[in-house]
Amino acid sequence: MAELESNIGAVLKNKSGKIWSVSPSASVYEAIELMAEKQVGALPVMDGEKLVGIISERDYARKVILKGRSSKETAVVEIMTSGPITITPQHTVAECMRIMTEKRFRHLPVIDNGKLVGMVSIGDLVNWVITEQQQTIRHLEAYISGNAS
């Protein structure tokens, strides 16, 4: 399936291009507030220009709520996933889906030449596949009906 062989660079071009992040010293509350405001499920944790971790809603649920901690008094660095697995814009959609499935991740940071250039979620990848399949169907229907240009 061609849509699975598309690279992540193409997927990122369809996204807004904005990357929201938090610092390791930010409170978990601030991180969750930003996730809610931007409607994302995870944020890269940046120390200056360096990706040092990722914090997700799952981290919050499992490491703050279930442990009875305070989100306003807990720093992101205390619950983030350090040294996250990253991908490059050259990775394919299929490769990323495999990584996410095997590692049970929902988000992957995208690094190009040592710099964070985006984040992809499993939702981004599923939407990409669906959109590409719909385009293929439209092209095939046009071809079959003789309306292909």
N, C-alpha and C. Protein backbone atom coordinates (compact mmCIF):
# COMPACT_ATOMS: atom_id res chain seq x y z
N MET A 1 0.85 -1.18 0.00
CA MET A 1 0.00 0.00 0.00
C MET A 1 0.89 1.24 0.00
N ALA A 2 0.74 2.04 -1.00
CA ALA A 2 1.61 3.21 -1.19
C ALA A 2 1.56 4.18 -0.03
N GLU A 3 0.37 4.34 0.58
CA GLU A 3 0.25 5.30 1.66
C GLU A 3 1.11 4.93 2.87
N LEU A 4 1.40 3.64 3.03
CA LEU A 4 2.24 3.21 4.14
C LEU A 4 3.72 3.43 3.85
N GLU A 5 4.04 3.60 2.57
CA GLU A 5 5.42 3.84 2.18
C GLU A 5 5.75 5.34 2.13
N SER A 6 4.75 6.19 2.32
CA SER A 6 4.99 7.63 2.38
C SER A 6 5.92 7.92 3.54
N ASN A 7 6.72 8.97 3.41
CA ASN A 7 7.60 9.29 4.53
C ASN A 7 6.95 10.30 5.47
N ILE A 8 7.50 10.35 6.67
CA ILE A 8 6.96 11.21 7.72
C ILE A 8 7.09 12.68 7.35
N GLY A 9 8.08 13.02 6.54
CA GLY A 9 8.21 14.40 6.07
C GLY A 9 6.95 14.86 5.37
N ALA A 10 6.33 13.98 4.57
CA ALA A 10 5.08 14.32 3.88
C ALA A 10 3.94 14.48 4.87
N VAL A 11 3.91 13.64 5.89
CA VAL A 11 2.87 13.75 6.92
C VAL A 11 3.00 15.08 7.66
N LEU A 12 4.24 15.45 8.00
CA LEU A 12 4.46 16.71 8.73
C LEU A 12 4.04 17.93 7.92
N LYS A 13 4.17 17.86 6.60
CA LYS A 13 3.76 18.99 5.76
C LYS A 13 2.27 19.26 5.86
N ASN A 14 1.48 18.24 6.20
CA ASN A 14 0.02 18.40 6.34
C ASN A 14 -0.38 18.92 7.72
N LYS A 15 0.58 18.99 8.63
CA LYS A 15 0.29 19.47 9.98
C LYS A 15 0.58 20.97 10.04
N SER A 16 0.20 21.60 11.13
CA SER A 16 0.32 23.05 11.27
C SER A 16 1.76 23.54 11.29
N GLY A 17 2.69 22.68 11.66
CA GLY A 17 4.08 23.11 11.74
C GLY A 17 4.46 23.64 13.10
N LYS A 18 3.48 23.90 13.93
CA LYS A 18 3.74 24.37 15.29
C LYS A 18 4.16 23.21 16.17
N ILE A 19 5.16 23.46 17.00
CA ILE A 19 5.59 22.46 17.97
C ILE A 19 5.49 23.10 19.34
N TRP A 20 4.60 22.60 20.16
CA TRP A 20 4.48 23.08 21.52
C TRP A 20 5.32 22.18 22.40
N SER A 21 5.99 22.77 23.36
CA SER A 21 6.84 21.97 24.24
C SER A 21 6.85 22.57 25.64
N VAL A 22 7.42 21.83 26.57
CA VAL A 22 7.58 22.30 27.95
C VAL A 22 9.02 22.05 28.37
N SER A 23 9.42 22.75 29.41
CA SER A 23 10.76 22.54 29.96
C SER A 23 10.67 21.50 31.06
N PRO A 24 11.79 20.87 31.38
CA PRO A 24 11.77 19.86 32.45
C PRO A 24 11.35 20.43 33.80
N SER A 25 11.59 21.72 34.01
CA SER A 25 11.26 22.33 35.31
C SER A 25 9.81 22.81 35.41
N ALA A 26 9.07 22.79 34.30
CA ALA A 26 7.66 23.20 34.34
C ALA A 26 6.88 22.25 35.24
N SER A 27 5.80 22.73 35.78
CA SER A 27 4.95 21.84 36.59
C SER A 27 4.14 20.95 35.65
N VAL A 28 3.78 19.80 36.15
CA VAL A 28 2.93 18.90 35.38
C VAL A 28 1.61 19.59 35.05
N TYR A 29 1.11 20.40 35.97
CA TYR A 29 -0.12 21.15 35.74
C TYR A 29 0.01 22.03 34.49
N GLU A 30 1.14 22.74 34.38
CA GLU A 30 1.37 23.60 33.21
C GLU A 30 1.39 22.78 31.92
N ALA A 31 2.00 21.61 31.99
CA ALA A 31 2.07 20.75 30.81
C ALA A 31 0.68 20.26 30.40
N ILE A 32 -0.10 19.82 31.37
CA ILE A 32 -1.46 19.33 31.09
C ILE A 32 -2.34 20.46 30.57
N GLU A 33 -2.17 21.65 31.15
CA GLU A 33 -2.92 22.83 30.70
C GLU A 33 -2.61 23.13 29.23
N LEU A 34 -1.33 23.07 28.85
CA LEU A 34 -0.93 23.32 27.46
C LEU A 34 -1.47 22.23 26.53
N MET A 35 -1.41 20.98 26.97
CA MET A 35 -1.96 19.88 26.16
C MET A 35 -3.45 20.11 25.90
N ALA A 36 -4.18 20.50 26.94
CA ALA A 36 -5.62 20.74 26.79
C ALA A 36 -5.88 21.91 25.85
N GLU A 37 -5.13 22.99 26.03
CA GLU A 37 -5.31 24.18 25.19
C GLU A 37 -5.02 23.88 23.72
N LYS A 38 -3.98 23.11 23.45
CA LYS A 38 -3.56 22.83 22.07
C LYS A 38 -4.17 21.54 21.52
N GLN A 39 -4.94 20.86 22.36
CA GLN A 39 -5.61 19.62 21.99
C GLN A 39 -4.63 18.57 21.46
N VAL A 40 -3.57 18.34 22.25
CA VAL A 40 -2.59 17.30 21.94
C VAL A 40 -2.47 16.38 23.14
N GLY A 41 -2.02 15.17 22.90
CA GLY A 41 -1.93 14.19 23.97
C GLY A 41 -0.55 14.02 24.56
N ALA A 42 0.44 14.72 23.98
CA ALA A 42 1.80 14.62 24.49
C ALA A 42 2.59 15.85 24.06
N LEU A 43 3.63 16.14 24.82
CA LEU A 43 4.50 17.27 24.51
C LEU A 43 5.96 16.85 24.60
N PRO A 44 6.78 17.36 23.70
CA PRO A 44 8.22 17.14 23.88
C PRO A 44 8.71 17.98 25.06
N VAL A 45 9.66 17.45 25.78
CA VAL A 45 10.27 18.18 26.90
C VAL A 45 11.63 18.65 26.40
N MET A 46 11.79 19.97 26.37
CA MET A 46 12.99 20.57 25.78
C MET A 46 13.82 21.29 26.82
N ASP A 47 15.11 21.03 26.82
CA ASP A 47 16.07 21.78 27.62
C ASP A 47 16.81 22.65 26.63
N GLY A 48 16.32 23.87 26.44
CA GLY A 48 16.84 24.72 25.37
C GLY A 48 16.42 24.14 24.03
N GLU A 49 17.40 23.81 23.19
CA GLU A 49 17.12 23.22 21.87
C GLU A 49 17.19 21.69 21.89
N LYS A 50 17.49 21.12 23.07
CA LYS A 50 17.70 19.68 23.16
C LYS A 50 16.46 18.95 23.68
N LEU A 51 16.05 17.92 22.94
CA LEU A 51 14.95 17.07 23.37
C LEU A 51 15.46 16.15 24.47
N VAL A 52 14.86 16.28 25.66
CA VAL A 52 15.31 15.46 26.80
C VAL A 52 14.25 14.46 27.24
N GLY A 53 13.02 14.61 26.73
CA GLY A 53 11.97 13.68 27.12
C GLY A 53 10.67 13.98 26.43
N ILE A 54 9.67 13.25 26.84
CA ILE A 54 8.31 13.46 26.34
C ILE A 54 7.37 13.23 27.52
N ILE A 55 6.34 14.04 27.61
CA ILE A 55 5.34 13.87 28.66
C ILE A 55 3.99 13.70 27.97
N SER A 56 3.23 12.72 28.45
CA SER A 56 1.94 12.42 27.83
C SER A 56 0.83 12.41 28.88
N GLU A 57 -0.38 12.42 28.38
CA GLU A 57 -1.54 12.30 29.28
C GLU A 57 -1.46 10.98 30.05
N ARG A 58 -0.93 9.97 29.41
CA ARG A 58 -0.78 8.66 30.07
C ARG A 58 0.19 8.77 31.24
N ASP A 59 1.30 9.51 31.07
CA ASP A 59 2.24 9.72 32.17
C ASP A 59 1.52 10.39 33.34
N TYR A 60 0.73 11.39 33.02
CA TYR A 60 -0.02 12.13 34.04
C TYR A 60 -0.96 11.19 34.80
N ALA A 61 -1.72 10.41 34.06
CA ALA A 61 -2.70 9.53 34.70
C ALA A 61 -2.02 8.49 35.59
N ARG A 62 -0.93 7.92 35.11
CA ARG A 62 -0.29 6.82 35.83
C ARG A 62 0.69 7.26 36.91
N LYS A 63 1.34 8.39 36.70
CA LYS A 63 2.42 8.78 37.61
C LYS A 63 2.05 9.93 38.55
N VAL A 64 0.93 10.57 38.30
CA VAL A 64 0.48 11.65 39.19
C VAL A 64 -0.85 11.27 39.83
N ILE A 65 -1.87 11.13 39.03
CA ILE A 65 -3.21 10.85 39.55
C ILE A 65 -3.24 9.56 40.38
N LEU A 66 -2.79 8.47 39.80
CA LEU A 66 -2.86 7.19 40.50
C LEU A 66 -1.93 7.10 41.71
N LYS A 67 -0.93 7.95 41.76
CA LYS A 67 0.01 7.94 42.89
C LYS A 67 -0.35 9.00 43.93
N GLY A 68 -1.44 9.74 43.69
CA GLY A 68 -1.89 10.74 44.65
C GLY A 68 -0.98 11.95 44.76
N ARG A 69 -0.26 12.25 43.69
CA ARG A 69 0.65 13.39 43.70
C ARG A 69 -0.10 14.65 43.26
N SER A 70 0.50 15.80 43.49
CA SER A 70 -0.08 17.08 43.08
C SER A 70 0.54 17.51 41.75
N SER A 71 -0.31 17.79 40.77
CA SER A 71 0.20 18.21 39.46
C SER A 71 0.85 19.58 39.52
N LYS A 72 0.45 20.40 40.49
CA LYS A 72 1.04 21.74 40.61
C LYS A 72 2.38 21.71 41.33
N GLU A 73 2.63 20.66 42.09
CA GLU A 73 3.88 20.56 42.85
C GLU A 73 4.86 19.55 42.26
N THR A 74 4.46 18.85 41.21
CA THR A 74 5.32 17.86 40.58
C THR A 74 5.91 18.47 39.30
N ALA A 75 7.22 18.37 39.15
CA ALA A 75 7.88 18.88 37.95
C ALA A 75 7.80 17.85 36.83
N VAL A 76 7.74 18.33 35.61
CA VAL A 76 7.68 17.47 34.43
C VAL A 76 8.82 16.44 34.45
N VAL A 77 10.03 16.88 34.83
CA VAL A 77 11.19 15.98 34.84
C VAL A 77 10.97 14.75 35.71
N GLU A 78 10.09 14.86 36.71
CA GLU A 78 9.85 13.74 37.63
C GLU A 78 9.01 12.63 37.01
N ILE A 79 8.23 12.93 35.98
CA ILE A 79 7.35 11.90 35.42
C ILE A 79 7.53 11.67 33.92
N MET A 80 8.33 12.49 33.25
CA MET A 80 8.47 12.37 31.80
C MET A 80 9.20 11.08 31.44
N THR A 81 9.04 10.67 30.19
CA THR A 81 9.81 9.57 29.64
C THR A 81 11.11 10.18 29.11
N SER A 82 12.22 9.82 29.74
CA SER A 82 13.52 10.36 29.32
C SER A 82 14.04 9.60 28.11
N GLY A 83 14.84 10.29 27.30
CA GLY A 83 15.46 9.66 26.13
C GLY A 83 14.46 8.95 25.25
N PRO A 84 13.44 9.67 24.78
CA PRO A 84 12.40 9.01 23.98
C PRO A 84 12.93 8.49 22.65
N ILE A 85 12.30 7.46 22.16
CA ILE A 85 12.61 6.97 20.81
C ILE A 85 12.16 8.05 19.84
N THR A 86 13.01 8.35 18.88
CA THR A 86 12.70 9.38 17.89
C THR A 86 12.75 8.77 16.49
N ILE A 87 12.18 9.52 15.56
CA ILE A 87 12.20 9.13 14.15
C ILE A 87 12.73 10.31 13.34
N THR A 88 12.96 10.07 12.06
CA THR A 88 13.39 11.13 11.15
C THR A 88 12.30 11.34 10.10
N PRO A 89 12.39 12.44 9.35
CA PRO A 89 11.40 12.65 8.28
C PRO A 89 11.46 11.56 7.20
N GLN A 90 12.56 10.81 7.15
CA GLN A 90 12.71 9.76 6.14
C GLN A 90 12.03 8.45 6.54
N HIS A 91 11.68 8.28 7.80
CA HIS A 91 10.97 7.07 8.21
C HIS A 91 9.65 6.99 7.45
N THR A 92 9.21 5.77 7.17
CA THR A 92 7.91 5.61 6.49
C THR A 92 6.79 5.54 7.52
N VAL A 93 5.58 5.75 7.03
CA VAL A 93 4.40 5.64 7.88
C VAL A 93 4.33 4.22 8.45
N ALA A 94 4.60 3.23 7.64
CA ALA A 94 4.56 1.83 8.11
C ALA A 94 5.58 1.59 9.22
N GLU A 95 6.79 2.11 9.06
CA GLU A 95 7.82 1.93 10.10
C GLU A 95 7.37 2.56 11.41
N CYS A 96 6.79 3.74 11.32
CA CYS A 96 6.34 4.44 12.54
C CYS A 96 5.18 3.73 13.20
N MET A 97 4.27 3.21 12.41
CA MET A 97 3.15 2.44 12.98
C MET A 97 3.68 1.19 13.69
N ARG A 98 4.68 0.56 13.12
CA ARG A 98 5.27 -0.63 13.73
C ARG A 98 5.93 -0.27 15.06
N ILE A 99 6.70 0.82 15.08
CA ILE A 99 7.36 1.27 16.32
C ILE A 99 6.31 1.56 17.39
N MET A 100 5.27 2.30 17.01
CA MET A 100 4.23 2.67 17.98
C MET A 100 3.51 1.44 18.52
N THR A 101 3.25 0.49 17.66
CA THR A 101 2.56 -0.73 18.08
C THR A 101 3.44 -1.57 19.00
N GLU A 102 4.69 -1.78 18.60
CA GLU A 102 5.60 -2.61 19.39
C GLU A 102 5.92 -2.00 20.75
N LYS A 103 6.14 -0.68 20.78
CA LYS A 103 6.55 0.00 22.01
C LYS A 103 5.38 0.53 22.81
N ARG A 104 4.17 0.44 22.23
CA ARG A 104 2.95 0.92 22.88
C ARG A 104 3.00 2.43 23.14
N PHE A 105 3.51 3.17 22.13
CA PHE A 105 3.55 4.63 22.16
C PHE A 105 2.44 5.16 21.29
N ARG A 106 2.01 6.37 21.59
CA ARG A 106 1.03 7.04 20.74
C ARG A 106 1.63 8.25 20.03
N HIS A 107 2.84 8.65 20.43
CA HIS A 107 3.48 9.84 19.86
C HIS A 107 4.96 9.59 19.65
N LEU A 108 5.48 10.14 18.55
CA LEU A 108 6.91 10.04 18.27
C LEU A 108 7.46 11.41 17.88
N PRO A 109 8.53 11.86 18.53
CA PRO A 109 9.19 13.09 18.11
C PRO A 109 9.96 12.85 16.81
N VAL A 110 9.96 13.85 15.95
CA VAL A 110 10.67 13.76 14.67
C VAL A 110 11.90 14.66 14.74
N ILE A 111 13.08 14.07 14.54
CA ILE A 111 14.35 14.80 14.62
C ILE A 111 14.99 14.82 13.24
N ASP A 112 15.44 15.99 12.83
CA ASP A 112 16.16 16.14 11.56
C ASP A 112 17.43 16.95 11.83
N ASN A 113 18.56 16.36 11.52
CA ASN A 113 19.86 17.00 11.77
C ASN A 113 19.99 17.47 13.22
N GLY A 114 19.57 16.62 14.15
CA GLY A 114 19.71 16.93 15.56
C GLY A 114 18.69 17.90 16.13
N LYS A 115 17.75 18.34 15.30
CA LYS A 115 16.76 19.33 15.73
C LYS A 115 15.35 18.75 15.69
N LEU A 116 14.56 19.05 16.72
CA LEU A 116 13.16 18.63 16.74
C LEU A 116 12.39 19.40 15.68
N VAL A 117 11.78 18.66 14.74
CA VAL A 117 11.04 19.32 13.66
C VAL A 117 9.55 19.02 13.68
N GLY A 118 9.13 18.16 14.61
CA GLY A 118 7.72 17.85 14.71
C GLY A 118 7.45 16.68 15.62
N MET A 119 6.16 16.42 15.78
CA MET A 119 5.68 15.26 16.54
C MET A 119 4.59 14.62 15.69
N VAL A 120 4.59 13.30 15.65
CA VAL A 120 3.48 12.61 14.98
C VAL A 120 2.80 11.70 15.99
N SER A 121 1.48 11.64 15.86
CA SER A 121 0.69 10.78 16.72
C SER A 121 0.14 9.63 15.89
N ILE A 122 -0.34 8.61 16.56
CA ILE A 122 -0.96 7.50 15.84
C ILE A 122 -2.16 8.03 15.05
N GLY A 123 -2.85 9.03 15.61
CA GLY A 123 -3.97 9.64 14.88
C GLY A 123 -3.54 10.31 13.59
N ASP A 124 -2.38 10.98 13.62
CA ASP A 124 -1.85 11.60 12.39
C ASP A 124 -1.63 10.54 11.32
N LEU A 125 -1.06 9.41 11.73
CA LEU A 125 -0.73 8.35 10.78
C LEU A 125 -1.99 7.69 10.22
N VAL A 126 -2.96 7.43 11.08
CA VAL A 126 -4.22 6.83 10.62
C VAL A 126 -4.94 7.79 9.66
N ASN A 127 -4.97 9.08 10.01
CA ASN A 127 -5.61 10.07 9.12
C ASN A 127 -4.90 10.13 7.78
N TRP A 128 -3.57 10.04 7.77
CA TRP A 128 -2.79 10.06 6.53
C TRP A 128 -3.19 8.88 5.65
N VAL A 129 -3.22 7.69 6.24
CA VAL A 129 -3.56 6.49 5.48
C VAL A 129 -4.97 6.60 4.89
N ILE A 130 -5.93 7.03 5.70
CA ILE A 130 -7.31 7.16 5.23
C ILE A 130 -7.41 8.16 4.08
N THR A 131 -6.78 9.32 4.24
CA THR A 131 -6.82 10.36 3.20
C THR A 131 -6.19 9.86 1.90
N GLU A 132 -5.04 9.21 2.02
CA GLU A 132 -4.37 8.68 0.82
C GLU A 132 -5.21 7.61 0.14
N GLN A 133 -5.87 6.75 0.92
CA GLN A 133 -6.72 5.72 0.33
C GLN A 133 -7.92 6.35 -0.38
N GLN A 134 -8.49 7.39 0.21
CA GLN A 134 -9.63 8.08 -0.42
C GLN A 134 -9.21 8.70 -1.74
N GLN A 135 -8.01 9.29 -1.79
CA GLN A 135 -7.52 9.87 -3.05
C GLN A 135 -7.32 8.79 -4.10
N THR A 136 -6.77 7.66 -3.70
CA THR A 136 -6.57 6.55 -4.64
C THR A 136 -7.91 6.08 -5.19
N ILE A 137 -8.90 5.95 -4.33
CA ILE A 137 -10.24 5.52 -4.76
C ILE A 137 -10.81 6.52 -5.76
N ARG A 138 -10.69 7.82 -5.47
CA ARG A 138 -11.20 8.84 -6.41
C ARG A 138 -10.51 8.75 -7.76
N HIS A 139 -9.18 8.55 -7.76
CA HIS A 139 -8.45 8.43 -9.02
C HIS A 139 -8.89 7.19 -9.80
N LEU A 140 -9.08 6.09 -9.10
CA LEU A 140 -9.51 4.86 -9.77
C LEU A 140 -10.93 5.01 -10.33
N GLU A 141 -11.81 5.65 -9.56
CA GLU A 141 -13.18 5.87 -10.04
C GLU A 141 -13.18 6.76 -11.29
N ALA A 142 -12.34 7.79 -11.27
CA ALA A 142 -12.25 8.69 -12.44
C ALA A 142 -11.69 7.94 -13.64
N TYR A 143 -10.72 7.08 -13.40
CA TYR A 143 -10.12 6.30 -14.49
C TYR A 143 -11.14 5.35 -15.09
N ILE A 144 -11.87 4.65 -14.22
CA ILE A 144 -12.86 3.69 -14.68
C ILE A 144 -13.98 4.37 -15.46
N SER A 145 -14.40 5.54 -15.00
CA SER A 145 -15.50 6.25 -15.68
C SER A 145 -15.03 7.04 -16.89
N GLY A 146 -13.71 7.03 -17.14
CA GLY A 146 -13.19 7.73 -18.30
C GLY A 146 -12.98 9.22 -18.08
N ASN A 147 -13.03 9.68 -16.84
CA ASN A 147 -12.86 11.10 -16.53
C ASN A 147 -11.44 11.42 -16.07
N ALA A 148 -10.51 10.50 -16.23
CA ALA A 148 -9.15 10.75 -15.78
C ALA A 148 -8.50 11.79 -16.66
N SER A 149 -7.73 12.67 -16.03
CA SER A 149 -7.07 13.70 -16.83
C SER A 149 -5.61 13.36 -17.00
